[in-house]
Amino acid sequence: MQDADFRRWWASHDVALRTGGTKLLHPPVAGDLTLDWEILTSATDPDQQLMVMTAEPGSPSHQAMSFFTSWTEATRSEASGRPS
């Protein structure tokens, strides 16, 4: 590494943590999904985090998520031998 600034920045590990954004997923069953995501951190244990992903209500991604959920439930019912 020749760049002194880069070495200093790398050593400081000064990384901005992202706690939310938008993610594009391509599951083969549901089609393309555009989901908003947010990381929720426990106030009492910062090492415990939960990622929540949501689709805008009424959007094609929301409709695809509804289909994906029903497809998953039907697949589970078939695998367990229970009627759906």
N, C-alpha and C. Protein backbone atom coordinates (compact mmCIF):
# COMPACT_ATOMS: atom_id res chain seq x y z
N MET A 1 0.85 -1.18 0.00
CA MET A 1 0.00 0.00 0.00
C MET A 1 0.89 1.24 0.00
N GLN A 2 0.76 2.02 -1.03
CA GLN A 2 1.59 3.20 -1.18
C GLN A 2 0.92 4.46 -0.63
N ASP A 3 -0.40 4.49 -0.56
CA ASP A 3 -1.13 5.70 -0.18
C ASP A 3 -1.25 5.81 1.35
N ALA A 4 -0.65 6.82 1.93
CA ALA A 4 -0.66 7.01 3.39
C ALA A 4 -2.08 7.25 3.90
N ASP A 5 -2.89 8.02 3.17
CA ASP A 5 -4.28 8.25 3.59
C ASP A 5 -5.05 6.94 3.65
N PHE A 6 -4.90 6.11 2.62
CA PHE A 6 -5.60 4.83 2.59
C PHE A 6 -5.20 3.98 3.78
N ARG A 7 -3.92 3.89 4.07
CA ARG A 7 -3.44 3.09 5.21
C ARG A 7 -4.06 3.59 6.51
N ARG A 8 -4.14 4.91 6.68
CA ARG A 8 -4.73 5.49 7.89
C ARG A 8 -6.22 5.17 7.97
N TRP A 9 -6.93 5.34 6.84
CA TRP A 9 -8.37 5.05 6.82
C TRP A 9 -8.64 3.57 7.10
N TRP A 10 -7.85 2.72 6.46
CA TRP A 10 -8.03 1.28 6.65
C TRP A 10 -7.78 0.90 8.10
N ALA A 11 -6.76 1.43 8.71
CA ALA A 11 -6.42 1.11 10.09
C ALA A 11 -7.47 1.61 11.07
N SER A 12 -8.14 2.72 10.74
CA SER A 12 -9.12 3.28 11.67
C SER A 12 -10.44 2.50 11.66
N HIS A 13 -10.69 1.70 10.62
CA HIS A 13 -11.95 0.95 10.48
C HIS A 13 -13.16 1.85 10.66
N ASP A 14 -13.05 3.05 10.17
CA ASP A 14 -14.13 4.04 10.28
C ASP A 14 -15.17 3.74 9.20
N VAL A 15 -16.04 2.79 9.52
CA VAL A 15 -17.02 2.31 8.55
C VAL A 15 -18.40 2.81 8.96
N ALA A 16 -19.11 3.38 8.03
CA ALA A 16 -20.47 3.82 8.30
C ALA A 16 -21.40 2.61 8.23
N LEU A 17 -22.13 2.39 9.30
CA LEU A 17 -23.06 1.27 9.33
C LEU A 17 -24.38 1.69 8.70
N ARG A 18 -24.87 0.89 7.79
CA ARG A 18 -26.16 1.16 7.18
C ARG A 18 -27.22 0.43 7.99
N THR A 19 -28.27 1.14 8.34
CA THR A 19 -29.33 0.53 9.12
C THR A 19 -30.61 0.38 8.32
N GLY A 20 -30.57 0.73 7.05
CA GLY A 20 -31.76 0.58 6.22
C GLY A 20 -31.45 0.89 4.78
N GLY A 21 -32.38 0.49 3.92
CA GLY A 21 -32.21 0.75 2.50
C GLY A 21 -33.22 -0.02 1.70
N THR A 22 -32.92 -0.22 0.43
CA THR A 22 -33.79 -0.96 -0.47
C THR A 22 -32.97 -2.07 -1.11
N LYS A 23 -33.59 -3.23 -1.23
CA LYS A 23 -32.91 -4.41 -1.77
C LYS A 23 -33.76 -4.98 -2.89
N LEU A 24 -33.12 -5.35 -3.99
CA LEU A 24 -33.80 -6.02 -5.09
C LEU A 24 -33.44 -7.50 -5.03
N LEU A 25 -34.45 -8.35 -4.90
CA LEU A 25 -34.25 -9.80 -4.83
C LEU A 25 -34.89 -10.44 -6.05
N HIS A 26 -34.38 -11.61 -6.43
CA HIS A 26 -34.86 -12.32 -7.62
C HIS A 26 -35.22 -13.77 -7.30
N PRO A 27 -36.18 -14.03 -6.40
CA PRO A 27 -36.53 -15.43 -6.15
C PRO A 27 -37.22 -16.02 -7.37
N PRO A 28 -36.89 -17.24 -7.77
CA PRO A 28 -37.43 -17.81 -9.00
C PRO A 28 -38.95 -18.04 -8.96
N VAL A 29 -39.51 -18.21 -7.79
CA VAL A 29 -40.94 -18.51 -7.68
C VAL A 29 -41.80 -17.26 -7.71
N ALA A 30 -41.36 -16.19 -7.06
CA ALA A 30 -42.20 -15.00 -6.90
C ALA A 30 -41.86 -13.88 -7.86
N GLY A 31 -40.80 -13.99 -8.61
CA GLY A 31 -40.40 -12.89 -9.49
C GLY A 31 -39.60 -11.84 -8.74
N ASP A 32 -39.26 -10.76 -9.42
CA ASP A 32 -38.44 -9.71 -8.81
C ASP A 32 -39.19 -9.03 -7.67
N LEU A 33 -38.47 -8.79 -6.58
CA LEU A 33 -39.03 -8.12 -5.41
C LEU A 33 -38.17 -6.91 -5.07
N THR A 34 -38.79 -5.78 -4.88
CA THR A 34 -38.11 -4.60 -4.35
C THR A 34 -38.59 -4.42 -2.93
N LEU A 35 -37.68 -4.61 -1.97
CA LEU A 35 -38.05 -4.58 -0.56
C LEU A 35 -37.25 -3.52 0.18
N ASP A 36 -37.93 -2.82 1.07
CA ASP A 36 -37.24 -1.91 1.98
C ASP A 36 -36.78 -2.73 3.16
N TRP A 37 -35.58 -2.45 3.66
CA TRP A 37 -35.07 -3.18 4.81
C TRP A 37 -34.61 -2.22 5.88
N GLU A 38 -34.68 -2.69 7.11
CA GLU A 38 -34.23 -1.91 8.26
C GLU A 38 -33.66 -2.86 9.30
N ILE A 39 -32.56 -2.46 9.92
CA ILE A 39 -31.95 -3.24 10.99
C ILE A 39 -32.39 -2.63 12.32
N LEU A 40 -32.98 -3.46 13.16
CA LEU A 40 -33.38 -3.05 14.50
C LEU A 40 -32.40 -3.66 15.48
N THR A 41 -31.83 -2.84 16.36
CA THR A 41 -30.83 -3.29 17.31
C THR A 41 -31.41 -3.24 18.72
N SER A 42 -31.17 -4.29 19.48
CA SER A 42 -31.63 -4.37 20.85
C SER A 42 -30.93 -3.30 21.70
N ALA A 43 -31.71 -2.55 22.46
CA ALA A 43 -31.13 -1.52 23.32
C ALA A 43 -30.31 -2.13 24.45
N THR A 44 -30.69 -3.33 24.90
CA THR A 44 -29.98 -3.96 26.02
C THR A 44 -28.84 -4.86 25.58
N ASP A 45 -28.83 -5.26 24.29
CA ASP A 45 -27.76 -6.11 23.78
C ASP A 45 -27.51 -5.75 22.32
N PRO A 46 -26.61 -4.77 22.06
CA PRO A 46 -26.37 -4.30 20.70
C PRO A 46 -25.92 -5.38 19.72
N ASP A 47 -25.46 -6.53 20.23
CA ASP A 47 -25.07 -7.62 19.33
C ASP A 47 -26.29 -8.36 18.77
N GLN A 48 -27.46 -8.14 19.37
CA GLN A 48 -28.69 -8.75 18.89
C GLN A 48 -29.37 -7.80 17.92
N GLN A 49 -29.54 -8.24 16.68
CA GLN A 49 -30.15 -7.40 15.66
C GLN A 49 -31.19 -8.20 14.89
N LEU A 50 -32.18 -7.50 14.37
CA LEU A 50 -33.23 -8.10 13.58
C LEU A 50 -33.38 -7.31 12.29
N MET A 51 -33.36 -8.00 11.16
CA MET A 51 -33.58 -7.32 9.88
C MET A 51 -35.05 -7.51 9.50
N VAL A 52 -35.71 -6.40 9.21
CA VAL A 52 -37.10 -6.42 8.78
C VAL A 52 -37.15 -5.96 7.33
N MET A 53 -37.81 -6.77 6.50
CA MET A 53 -37.96 -6.41 5.09
C MET A 53 -39.44 -6.28 4.78
N THR A 54 -39.81 -5.19 4.11
CA THR A 54 -41.21 -4.94 3.79
C THR A 54 -41.34 -4.48 2.34
N ALA A 55 -42.52 -4.71 1.80
CA ALA A 55 -42.85 -4.25 0.45
C ALA A 55 -43.92 -3.18 0.59
N GLU A 56 -43.89 -2.20 -0.29
CA GLU A 56 -44.88 -1.14 -0.28
C GLU A 56 -46.26 -1.75 -0.55
N PRO A 57 -47.24 -1.48 0.34
CA PRO A 57 -48.57 -2.05 0.14
C PRO A 57 -49.13 -1.71 -1.25
N GLY A 58 -49.71 -2.72 -1.89
CA GLY A 58 -50.31 -2.54 -3.21
C GLY A 58 -49.33 -2.62 -4.36
N SER A 59 -48.05 -2.66 -4.07
CA SER A 59 -47.03 -2.70 -5.13
C SER A 59 -46.95 -4.11 -5.72
N PRO A 60 -46.34 -4.25 -6.91
CA PRO A 60 -46.12 -5.59 -7.46
C PRO A 60 -45.31 -6.48 -6.50
N SER A 61 -44.37 -5.88 -5.78
CA SER A 61 -43.57 -6.66 -4.82
C SER A 61 -44.45 -7.17 -3.68
N HIS A 62 -45.38 -6.34 -3.23
CA HIS A 62 -46.30 -6.74 -2.16
C HIS A 62 -47.17 -7.91 -2.64
N GLN A 63 -47.68 -7.82 -3.86
CA GLN A 63 -48.49 -8.90 -4.42
C GLN A 63 -47.66 -10.17 -4.57
N ALA A 64 -46.42 -10.02 -5.00
CA ALA A 64 -45.53 -11.19 -5.16
C ALA A 64 -45.25 -11.82 -3.80
N MET A 65 -45.06 -11.01 -2.77
CA MET A 65 -44.82 -11.55 -1.43
C MET A 65 -46.03 -12.34 -0.94
N SER A 66 -47.24 -11.84 -1.23
CA SER A 66 -48.46 -12.57 -0.85
C SER A 66 -48.50 -13.92 -1.55
N PHE A 67 -48.18 -13.94 -2.85
CA PHE A 67 -48.13 -15.19 -3.60
C PHE A 67 -47.07 -16.11 -3.01
N PHE A 68 -45.90 -15.58 -2.74
CA PHE A 68 -44.78 -16.37 -2.22
C PHE A 68 -45.16 -16.99 -0.88
N THR A 69 -45.83 -16.22 -0.03
CA THR A 69 -46.26 -16.72 1.28
C THR A 69 -47.26 -17.86 1.12
N SER A 70 -48.26 -17.68 0.26
CA SER A 70 -49.26 -18.73 0.07
C SER A 70 -48.64 -19.97 -0.56
N TRP A 71 -47.71 -19.78 -1.49
CA TRP A 71 -47.03 -20.91 -2.13
C TRP A 71 -46.22 -21.69 -1.09
N THR A 72 -45.53 -20.97 -0.20
CA THR A 72 -44.72 -21.62 0.83
C THR A 72 -45.60 -22.41 1.78
N GLU A 73 -46.73 -21.82 2.20
CA GLU A 73 -47.65 -22.52 3.10
C GLU A 73 -48.21 -23.78 2.44
N ALA A 74 -48.58 -23.69 1.17
CA ALA A 74 -49.11 -24.86 0.46
C ALA A 74 -48.05 -25.94 0.34
N THR A 75 -46.81 -25.55 0.07
CA THR A 75 -45.71 -26.51 -0.06
C THR A 75 -45.47 -27.23 1.27
N ARG A 76 -45.51 -26.47 2.37
CA ARG A 76 -45.33 -27.07 3.70
C ARG A 76 -46.45 -28.04 4.00
N SER A 77 -47.69 -27.68 3.68
CA SER A 77 -48.84 -28.57 3.93
C SER A 77 -48.70 -29.86 3.15
N GLU A 78 -48.30 -29.77 1.89
CA GLU A 78 -48.11 -30.97 1.06
C GLU A 78 -47.02 -31.84 1.63
N ALA A 79 -45.93 -31.24 2.09
CA ALA A 79 -44.81 -32.01 2.62
C ALA A 79 -45.18 -32.74 3.92
N SER A 80 -46.07 -32.11 4.70
CA SER A 80 -46.44 -32.71 5.98
C SER A 80 -47.62 -33.67 5.83
N GLY A 81 -48.27 -33.68 4.65
CA GLY A 81 -49.41 -34.54 4.45
C GLY A 81 -50.71 -33.96 4.96
N ARG A 82 -50.68 -32.71 5.43
CA ARG A 82 -51.89 -32.04 5.92
C ARG A 82 -52.59 -31.38 4.75
N PRO A 83 -53.93 -31.31 4.82
CA PRO A 83 -54.63 -30.56 3.78
C PRO A 83 -54.37 -29.07 3.93
N SER A 84 -54.32 -28.33 2.80
CA SER A 84 -54.05 -26.89 2.89
C SER A 84 -55.28 -26.11 3.23
